[in-house]
């Protein structure tokens, strides 16, 4: 089951959208199937759609192509473009380093250096960046002194003062529900699906993806999902130097703050690769480490002979465990991804079965009663008891620096589900000249497919 069938071409509707776009370029607050619609979520009065994108949109409709081709068209977004032009962030999709001009980052790094243990990076770059530790593991002590997850899936740090990783959730018959590698440029159908089912999740966002697809990142907060860090460039973190680890966290947190308006307090290591040195840096930055117990391996589909049927079997095995009472005394976490159409389609395909097998599917923060998910205090998650009683969203906030009036929208149901997510409803009308001006400042963003 792929996402493409859900993106069925609707030429008449799309033609109307294009006509409206050319003459008014405004969008309904509920229209999140286009970039201009997603921008409406936070009310940023930006001329974000390029003339070339509108031409591509028209061609898409003319050819009857699927909606992902529209959604994945690069677009201009002023805050990101300005920040990159001012060299406030590292180049996207490169290993992050502390910028020589960033005195705030330098000061923060200096302030936490005393908390970083004397543990050397694992392996040798560049091979170790993608998990080649073949020259390192033969000499690594079998006692695993660094609590290196990649070595033996250690989740209880051996360095004093560090909390254990969250690898399972405490509530019985509960699945900690979340997705790595977002925001994906074509995630609207998947996020629509979650909204229609009043389902919230934890989204582990890559900093470079946030800069590539800022409006998609904004939707997560607007929809009431929890946002966590998944590093800047998605490398094996234990292979990085101390300042690189810091920068991978720091600039992802800054990117999410810039784009979404909140600063996360949680993270997940790419590939699960973490040790006590990396945990210590994350902890010093206020980030809780979240791992998993079960792996769907959805990201491996098509790689090394892993098939869609193999991924199906991984989902089915977890469902069978839930049905036979394996989680009667404590819940679990499964690794799944927002990576591509296949991984999102798998999540949709097995959603009803997971709902039937587990009593509750909840975000990680909800499962652990982390009602304050961000550094900012204008946004809260419900407690576990609130969530399972039907209050799936408590409060939301307009990201810092946005303009427009705040609105509250409720999407209750007969079962008593309540949402109260604050967004902004105003948006300036665009004209063709504004589009061309925006195009002059366009910054093209690269997109990479990482696990």
Protein backbone atom coordinates (compact mmCIF):
# COMPACT_ATOMS: atom_id res chain seq x y z
CA UNK A 1 0.00 0.00 0.00
CA UNK A 2 1.72 3.13 -1.24
CA UNK A 3 0.71 6.73 -0.72
CA UNK A 4 0.34 7.46 -4.41
CA UNK A 5 -3.24 6.09 -4.65
CA UNK A 6 -4.26 8.55 -1.96
CA UNK A 7 -2.90 11.38 -4.08
CA UNK A 8 -5.39 10.67 -6.85
CA UNK A 9 -5.36 13.41 -9.47
CA UNK A 10 -8.24 15.83 -9.18
CA UNK A 11 -7.84 18.02 -12.26
CA UNK A 12 -10.96 20.11 -11.79
CA UNK A 13 -10.27 20.88 -8.15
CA UNK A 14 -6.59 21.52 -8.83
CA UNK A 15 -7.40 23.87 -11.72
CA UNK A 16 -9.58 25.86 -9.38
CA UNK A 17 -6.78 25.96 -6.83
CA UNK A 18 -4.36 27.28 -9.44
CA UNK A 19 -6.83 29.91 -10.63
CA UNK A 20 -7.33 31.06 -7.06
CA UNK A 21 -3.58 31.04 -6.49
CA UNK A 22 -2.79 33.21 -9.50
CA UNK A 23 -5.40 35.83 -8.70
CA UNK A 24 -5.44 35.91 -4.88
CA UNK A 25 -2.80 33.47 -3.63
CA UNK A 26 -4.66 33.04 -0.40
CA UNK A 27 -5.41 29.76 1.34
CA UNK A 28 -7.93 28.38 3.76
CA UNK A 29 -6.61 27.59 7.21
CA UNK A 30 -7.57 23.97 6.61
CA UNK A 31 -5.79 23.74 3.24
CA UNK A 32 -2.56 21.91 3.92
CA UNK A 33 -2.21 20.10 0.61
CA UNK A 34 -0.17 22.95 -0.86
CA UNK A 35 2.73 24.98 0.44
CA UNK A 36 0.62 28.12 0.58
CA UNK A 37 -1.93 26.20 2.58
CA UNK A 38 0.67 24.99 5.04
CA UNK A 39 1.96 28.51 5.46
CA UNK A 40 -1.54 29.50 6.59
CA UNK A 41 -1.09 27.36 9.68
CA UNK A 42 1.06 29.92 11.43
CA UNK A 43 -0.11 33.02 9.65
CA UNK A 44 3.32 34.07 8.38
CA UNK A 45 2.65 36.82 5.86
CA UNK A 46 5.36 35.73 3.47
CA UNK A 47 5.45 35.62 -0.32
CA UNK A 48 6.65 32.05 -0.34
CA UNK A 49 5.47 30.65 -3.63
CA UNK A 50 7.71 31.21 -6.62
CA UNK A 51 6.52 31.90 -10.13
CA UNK A 52 8.43 28.82 -11.25
CA UNK A 53 6.59 26.72 -8.68
CA UNK A 54 3.24 27.90 -9.96
CA UNK A 55 4.32 26.91 -13.45
CA UNK A 56 5.32 23.50 -12.14
CA UNK A 57 1.99 23.26 -10.35
CA UNK A 58 0.11 24.04 -13.53
CA UNK A 59 2.14 21.43 -15.41
CA UNK A 60 1.46 18.90 -12.66
CA UNK A 61 -2.28 19.34 -13.00
CA UNK A 62 -2.09 19.32 -16.77
CA UNK A 63 -0.24 16.02 -16.75
CA UNK A 64 -2.47 14.49 -14.09
CA UNK A 65 0.49 13.77 -11.81
CA UNK A 66 0.23 12.88 -8.13
CA UNK A 67 0.16 15.50 -5.41
CA UNK A 68 3.64 14.68 -3.99
CA UNK A 69 5.11 16.31 -7.12
CA UNK A 70 3.46 19.54 -6.02
CA UNK A 71 4.37 19.22 -2.39
CA UNK A 72 8.02 18.46 -3.07
CA UNK A 73 8.62 21.51 -5.24
CA UNK A 74 11.29 23.66 -3.53
CA UNK A 75 9.97 27.00 -2.33
CA UNK A 76 11.21 30.23 -0.85
CA UNK A 77 10.63 30.89 2.85
CA UNK A 78 12.01 34.20 4.07
CA UNK A 79 13.16 33.31 7.63
CA UNK A 80 15.14 30.29 6.42
CA UNK A 81 16.57 32.06 3.39
CA UNK A 82 17.67 35.02 5.48
CA UNK A 83 19.27 32.81 8.13
CA UNK A 84 21.21 30.79 5.58
CA UNK A 85 22.28 33.90 3.67
CA UNK A 86 23.58 35.38 6.94
CA UNK A 87 25.54 32.17 7.66
CA UNK A 88 23.63 31.57 10.87
CA UNK A 89 23.50 27.82 10.20
CA UNK A 90 25.92 25.24 8.81
CA UNK A 91 25.38 24.11 5.22
CA UNK A 92 22.49 21.68 5.13
CA UNK A 93 23.24 17.97 4.81
CA UNK A 94 26.82 18.38 5.94
CA UNK A 95 28.22 17.40 9.34
CA UNK A 96 27.51 20.42 11.53
CA UNK A 97 30.33 22.34 13.14
CA UNK A 98 30.23 25.35 15.43
CA UNK A 99 30.34 28.44 13.22
CA UNK A 100 33.26 30.77 13.85
CA UNK A 101 30.88 33.74 13.79
CA UNK A 102 28.37 32.21 16.23
CA UNK A 103 29.39 33.60 19.60
CA UNK A 104 26.24 32.23 21.27
CA UNK A 105 27.02 28.68 20.18
CA UNK A 106 30.65 29.05 21.18
CA UNK A 107 29.70 30.33 24.63
CA UNK A 108 27.21 27.53 25.15
CA UNK A 109 29.73 24.91 24.10
CA UNK A 110 32.32 26.32 26.47
CA UNK A 111 29.80 26.26 29.32
CA UNK A 112 29.15 22.51 28.99
CA UNK A 113 32.64 21.23 28.22
CA UNK A 114 33.26 20.25 31.83
CA UNK A 115 30.28 17.86 31.59
CA UNK A 116 31.67 15.94 28.59
CA UNK A 117 33.49 12.73 29.58
CA UNK A 118 36.86 11.79 28.16
CA UNK A 119 35.51 9.25 25.68
CA UNK A 120 36.99 9.25 22.20
CA UNK A 121 34.89 9.19 19.02
CA UNK A 122 34.22 5.72 17.67
CA UNK A 123 35.94 4.65 14.46
CA UNK A 124 37.56 6.80 11.82
CA UNK A 125 35.84 9.35 9.63
CA UNK A 126 34.58 9.37 6.93
CA UNK A 127 33.67 5.68 7.10
CA UNK A 128 32.44 5.88 10.67
CA UNK A 129 30.03 8.67 9.76
CA UNK A 130 27.90 6.02 8.06
CA UNK A 131 28.53 3.27 10.59
CA UNK A 132 31.74 1.60 9.46
CA UNK A 133 33.34 0.74 12.80
CA UNK A 134 35.24 -2.28 11.48
CA UNK A 135 38.59 -0.80 12.48
CA UNK A 136 37.35 0.03 15.98
CA UNK A 137 35.16 -2.76 17.34
CA UNK A 138 37.93 -5.43 17.42
CA UNK A 139 39.74 -3.45 20.12
CA UNK A 140 36.68 -2.13 21.97
CA UNK A 141 36.36 -3.70 25.46
CA UNK A 142 33.66 -6.37 25.68
CA UNK A 143 32.55 -4.84 28.97
CA UNK A 144 31.21 -1.89 26.95
CA UNK A 145 32.46 0.83 29.32
CA UNK A 146 30.78 3.59 27.28
CA UNK A 147 27.27 2.07 27.13
CA UNK A 148 27.47 2.09 23.34
CA UNK A 149 24.06 1.16 21.94
CA UNK A 150 25.43 0.12 18.56
CA UNK A 151 27.71 -2.39 20.29
CA UNK A 152 25.23 -4.16 22.56
CA UNK A 153 22.08 -2.00 22.72
CA UNK A 154 22.99 -0.59 26.11
CA UNK A 155 20.39 1.91 27.37
CA UNK A 156 21.43 2.39 31.01
CA UNK A 157 24.37 4.82 31.08
CA UNK A 158 27.49 3.85 33.00
CA UNK A 159 28.45 7.48 33.50
CA UNK A 160 27.07 8.85 36.74
CA UNK A 161 24.41 11.53 36.49
CA UNK A 162 22.90 10.48 33.17
CA UNK A 163 19.30 9.25 33.03
CA UNK A 164 18.53 5.98 31.23
CA UNK A 165 17.38 6.10 27.64
CA UNK A 166 13.67 5.80 27.04
CA UNK A 167 13.52 2.46 25.22
CA UNK A 168 10.04 1.42 26.35
CA UNK A 169 7.09 3.27 27.85
CA UNK A 170 5.89 2.55 31.38
CA UNK A 171 2.15 2.32 30.76
CA UNK A 172 0.82 -1.23 30.15
CA UNK A 173 -0.51 -2.17 26.72
CA UNK A 174 0.74 1.13 25.34
CA UNK A 175 2.76 1.88 22.20
CA UNK A 176 4.98 4.94 22.18
CA UNK A 177 4.04 6.21 18.74
CA UNK A 178 6.49 8.22 16.65
CA UNK A 179 8.27 8.67 13.33
CA UNK A 180 11.86 9.51 12.38
CA UNK A 181 13.45 11.48 9.56
CA UNK A 182 10.87 14.16 8.94
CA UNK A 183 9.58 16.51 7.98
CA UNK A 184 8.95 14.77 4.66
CA UNK A 185 7.97 17.06 1.80
CA UNK A 186 5.01 14.83 0.82
CA UNK A 187 3.63 14.10 4.26
CA UNK A 188 0.27 15.85 3.97
CA UNK A 189 -1.81 12.75 3.25
CA UNK A 190 -0.15 10.96 6.16
CA UNK A 191 -0.67 13.89 8.51
CA UNK A 192 -4.25 14.20 7.27
CA UNK A 193 -4.71 10.54 8.16
CA UNK A 194 -3.39 11.09 11.67
CA UNK A 195 -5.65 14.12 12.11
CA UNK A 196 -8.70 12.25 10.89
CA UNK A 197 -8.00 9.57 13.49
CA UNK A 198 -7.28 12.18 16.19
CA UNK A 199 -3.90 10.51 16.59
CA UNK A 200 -0.88 12.39 17.89
CA UNK A 201 2.70 11.17 17.54
CA UNK A 202 6.28 12.15 18.28
CA UNK A 203 8.08 13.47 15.21
CA UNK A 204 11.87 13.21 15.24
CA UNK A 205 12.96 15.95 12.83
CA UNK A 206 16.29 16.25 11.00
CA UNK A 207 17.55 19.83 11.11
CA UNK A 208 18.42 19.89 7.41
CA UNK A 209 14.91 18.69 6.55
CA UNK A 210 13.42 21.43 8.70
CA UNK A 211 15.40 23.99 6.70
CA UNK A 212 14.43 22.30 3.42
CA UNK A 213 10.73 21.98 4.27
CA UNK A 214 9.89 24.58 6.95
CA UNK A 215 6.15 24.77 6.39
CA UNK A 216 5.85 21.01 6.69
CA UNK A 217 7.60 21.24 10.06
CA UNK A 218 5.13 23.88 11.20
CA UNK A 219 2.24 21.56 10.57
CA UNK A 220 3.44 19.13 13.24
CA UNK A 221 2.97 21.69 16.00
CA UNK A 222 -0.30 22.95 14.53
CA UNK A 223 -1.64 19.39 14.53
CA UNK A 224 -0.60 18.78 18.14
CA UNK A 225 2.30 16.39 17.55
CA UNK A 226 5.41 16.36 19.72
CA UNK A 227 8.62 17.49 17.97
CA UNK A 228 12.02 16.07 18.91
CA UNK A 229 15.55 16.38 17.51
CA UNK A 230 17.03 13.84 15.08
CA UNK A 231 20.33 15.71 14.52
CA UNK A 232 21.35 18.06 11.73
CA UNK A 233 22.76 15.66 9.12
CA UNK A 234 21.73 12.16 10.31
CA UNK A 235 25.18 10.71 10.87
CA UNK A 236 26.28 8.12 13.43
CA UNK A 237 26.74 10.42 16.40
CA UNK A 238 29.43 8.41 18.20
CA UNK A 239 31.71 8.94 15.19
CA UNK A 240 31.61 12.72 15.63
CA UNK A 241 33.95 14.94 17.61
CA UNK A 242 32.62 16.70 20.71
CA UNK A 243 32.05 19.99 18.91
CA UNK A 244 30.38 18.20 15.99
CA UNK A 245 27.99 16.37 18.32
CA UNK A 246 27.18 19.67 20.01
CA UNK A 247 26.62 21.42 16.68
CA UNK A 248 24.39 18.62 15.35
CA UNK A 249 22.13 19.13 18.37
CA UNK A 250 22.44 22.88 18.73
CA UNK A 251 21.67 23.88 15.16
CA UNK A 252 18.77 21.43 14.87
CA UNK A 253 17.27 22.95 18.00
CA UNK A 254 17.87 26.41 16.55
CA UNK A 255 16.31 25.43 13.22
CA UNK A 256 13.17 24.12 14.90
CA UNK A 257 13.01 27.26 17.02
CA UNK A 258 13.42 29.48 13.94
CA UNK A 259 10.81 27.66 11.86
CA UNK A 260 8.30 26.32 14.36
CA UNK A 261 8.82 28.60 17.35
CA UNK A 262 9.62 25.96 19.98
CA UNK A 263 12.79 24.38 21.34
CA UNK A 264 12.62 20.58 21.80
CA UNK A 265 13.72 18.74 24.94
CA UNK A 266 14.03 15.28 23.42
CA UNK A 267 16.06 13.56 20.73
CA UNK A 268 16.62 10.21 19.04
CA UNK A 269 20.02 9.11 17.71
CA UNK A 270 20.11 8.16 14.03
CA UNK A 271 20.52 4.38 13.76
CA UNK A 272 20.33 4.30 17.57
CA UNK A 273 24.04 5.14 17.68
CA UNK A 274 24.73 6.72 21.06
CA UNK A 275 27.16 6.33 23.93
CA UNK A 276 27.74 8.10 27.25
CA UNK A 277 29.77 10.88 25.65
CA UNK A 278 26.96 11.75 23.25
CA UNK A 279 24.36 11.31 26.00
CA UNK A 280 26.29 13.72 28.21
CA UNK A 281 26.30 16.41 25.52
CA UNK A 282 22.59 15.88 24.85
CA UNK A 283 21.83 15.99 28.57
CA UNK A 284 23.78 19.21 28.97
CA UNK A 285 21.59 20.72 26.26
CA UNK A 286 18.41 19.56 27.98
CA UNK A 287 17.65 16.68 25.61
CA UNK A 288 16.19 13.35 26.75
CA UNK A 289 17.45 10.34 24.78
CA UNK A 290 14.75 8.14 23.21
CA UNK A 291 15.52 4.76 21.62
CA UNK A 292 13.21 1.81 20.82
CA UNK A 293 12.73 -1.89 21.51
CA UNK A 294 11.36 -3.06 18.17
CA UNK A 295 12.40 -2.08 14.66
CA UNK A 296 9.98 -2.11 11.74
CA UNK A 297 12.95 -1.85 9.36
CA UNK A 298 10.63 0.10 7.09
CA UNK A 299 13.55 2.32 6.06
CA UNK A 300 15.43 -0.71 4.72
CA UNK A 301 12.76 -1.67 2.17
CA UNK A 302 14.46 -2.19 -1.16
CA UNK A 303 17.92 -2.32 0.43
CA UNK A 304 19.96 -5.51 0.92
CA UNK A 305 17.08 -7.69 -0.24
CA UNK A 306 14.67 -6.36 2.40
CA UNK A 307 11.19 -6.49 0.89
CA UNK A 308 7.85 -4.90 1.71
CA UNK A 309 6.74 -8.33 2.93
CA UNK A 310 9.62 -8.33 5.42
CA UNK A 311 8.48 -5.00 6.81
CA UNK A 312 4.91 -6.31 7.01
CA UNK A 313 6.17 -9.25 9.05
CA UNK A 314 7.91 -6.92 11.51
CA UNK A 315 4.68 -5.02 12.08
CA UNK A 316 2.73 -8.27 12.37
CA UNK A 317 5.21 -9.69 14.89
CA UNK A 318 4.77 -6.68 17.17
CA UNK A 319 1.00 -6.89 16.83
CA UNK A 320 1.10 -10.59 17.73
CA UNK A 321 3.17 -9.82 20.84
CA UNK A 322 0.67 -7.20 21.91
CA UNK A 323 -2.19 -9.63 21.38
CA UNK A 324 -0.57 -12.37 23.47
CA UNK A 325 -0.07 -10.10 26.47
CA UNK A 326 3.65 -9.33 26.13
CA UNK A 327 3.04 -5.73 27.15
CA UNK A 328 0.57 -6.31 29.98
CA UNK A 329 2.91 -4.81 32.58
CA UNK A 330 4.65 -2.17 30.49
CA UNK A 331 4.45 -0.75 27.00
CA UNK A 332 6.99 -0.53 24.21
CA UNK A 333 8.35 1.59 21.36
CA UNK A 334 8.71 0.59 17.71
CA UNK A 335 10.97 2.40 15.27
CA UNK A 336 9.06 3.71 12.25
CA UNK A 337 9.75 6.49 9.77
CA UNK A 338 8.28 9.45 7.93
CA UNK A 339 11.05 8.88 5.40
CA UNK A 340 9.13 8.21 2.18
CA UNK A 341 5.80 7.15 0.73
CA UNK A 342 6.40 3.51 1.57
CA UNK A 343 7.16 4.04 5.26
CA UNK A 344 4.21 6.38 5.71
CA UNK A 345 1.93 4.01 3.81
CA UNK A 346 2.99 1.13 6.07
CA UNK A 347 2.08 3.20 9.10
CA UNK A 348 -1.36 3.87 7.63
CA UNK A 349 -1.79 0.26 6.57
CA UNK A 350 -1.15 -1.14 10.05
CA UNK A 351 -2.67 1.66 12.10
CA UNK A 352 -6.01 -0.02 12.77
CA UNK A 353 -4.30 -3.28 13.71
CA UNK A 354 -2.00 -1.49 16.13
CA UNK A 355 -4.99 0.31 17.63
CA UNK A 356 -6.76 -3.01 18.11
CA UNK A 357 -3.73 -4.78 19.59
CA UNK A 358 -2.64 -2.01 21.98
CA UNK A 359 -4.98 -0.18 24.31
CA UNK A 360 -3.24 3.10 23.65
CA UNK A 361 -1.06 4.70 20.99
CA UNK A 362 0.44 7.89 22.38
CA UNK A 363 3.39 10.26 21.83
CA UNK A 364 6.51 9.58 23.89
CA UNK A 365 6.01 12.67 26.02
CA UNK A 366 2.44 11.70 26.80
CA UNK A 367 3.48 8.16 27.70
CA UNK A 368 5.96 9.52 30.24
CA UNK A 369 3.84 12.46 31.44
CA UNK A 370 6.25 15.04 30.02
CA UNK A 371 3.60 17.73 29.87
CA UNK A 372 6.18 20.47 29.17
CA UNK A 373 7.71 19.26 25.88
CA UNK A 374 9.57 22.45 24.96
CA UNK A 375 11.75 25.05 26.60
CA UNK A 376 9.02 27.60 25.88
CA UNK A 377 6.13 27.50 28.34
CA UNK A 378 3.30 28.50 26.01
CA UNK A 379 2.71 24.93 24.83
CA UNK A 380 1.77 21.81 26.80
CA UNK A 381 1.12 18.16 26.11
CA UNK A 382 -1.67 16.33 27.90
CA UNK A 383 -0.79 13.89 30.64
CA UNK A 384 -1.27 10.22 29.89
CA UNK A 385 -4.56 10.14 31.81
CA UNK A 386 -5.81 13.21 29.96
CA UNK A 387 -4.87 11.78 26.60
CA UNK A 388 -6.57 8.40 27.08
CA UNK A 389 -9.63 10.21 28.41
CA UNK A 390 -9.96 12.01 25.09
CA UNK A 391 -8.06 15.27 25.54
CA UNK A 392 -5.44 14.70 22.88
CA UNK A 393 -4.23 18.32 22.79
CA UNK A 394 -4.15 20.73 25.71
CA UNK A 395 -2.68 24.00 24.46
CA UNK A 396 -0.89 25.26 21.42
CA UNK A 397 0.98 28.42 20.62
CA UNK A 398 1.67 30.57 17.60
CA UNK A 399 5.41 30.33 16.89
CA UNK A 400 7.51 33.24 18.01
CA UNK A 401 7.74 36.05 15.47
CA UNK A 402 4.59 35.19 13.53
CA UNK A 403 1.84 37.64 12.79
CA UNK A 404 -1.87 37.22 12.50
CA UNK A 405 -4.72 36.60 14.88
CA UNK A 406 -4.87 33.50 16.99
CA UNK A 407 -7.70 31.08 16.66
CA UNK A 408 -8.73 27.95 18.50
CA UNK A 409 -10.20 25.07 16.59
CA UNK A 410 -12.00 22.12 18.07
CA UNK A 411 -12.41 18.78 16.39
CA UNK A 412 -14.45 16.89 18.90
CA UNK A 413 -16.10 13.57 18.32
CA UNK A 414 -18.90 11.57 19.85
CA UNK A 415 -16.32 9.75 21.96
CA UNK A 416 -15.38 12.97 23.67
CA UNK A 417 -12.07 13.67 21.97
CA UNK A 418 -11.06 17.28 22.30
CA UNK A 419 -8.43 19.34 20.61
CA UNK A 420 -7.46 22.93 21.23
CA UNK A 421 -4.62 23.80 18.92
CA UNK A 422 -3.88 27.47 18.48
CA UNK A 423 -2.95 28.69 15.04
CA UNK A 424 -3.18 31.90 13.05
CA UNK A 425 -5.81 32.61 10.43
CA UNK A 426 -4.73 35.77 8.69
CA UNK A 427 -2.62 35.79 5.55
CA UNK A 428 -1.73 38.57 3.12
CA UNK A 429 -2.89 38.26 -0.45
CA UNK A 430 -0.15 37.78 -3.00
CA UNK A 431 0.22 39.16 -6.48
CA UNK A 432 2.38 38.18 -9.40
CA UNK A 433 4.88 40.94 -8.71
CA UNK A 434 5.35 39.74 -5.14
CA UNK A 435 6.03 36.26 -6.44
CA UNK A 436 8.70 37.48 -8.83
CA UNK A 437 10.33 39.50 -6.05
CA UNK A 438 10.39 36.45 -3.87
CA UNK A 439 11.88 34.48 -6.73
CA UNK A 440 14.80 36.86 -6.92
CA UNK A 441 15.75 35.85 -3.38
CA UNK A 442 15.18 32.14 -3.91
CA UNK A 443 17.54 29.71 -2.24
CA UNK A 444 17.42 26.17 -3.63
CA UNK A 445 17.44 23.42 -1.08
CA UNK A 446 18.80 19.93 -1.61
CA UNK A 447 16.86 16.87 -0.50
CA UNK A 448 18.60 13.67 0.48
CA UNK A 449 17.13 10.30 1.20
CA UNK A 450 18.55 9.05 4.48
CA UNK A 451 17.43 6.22 6.76
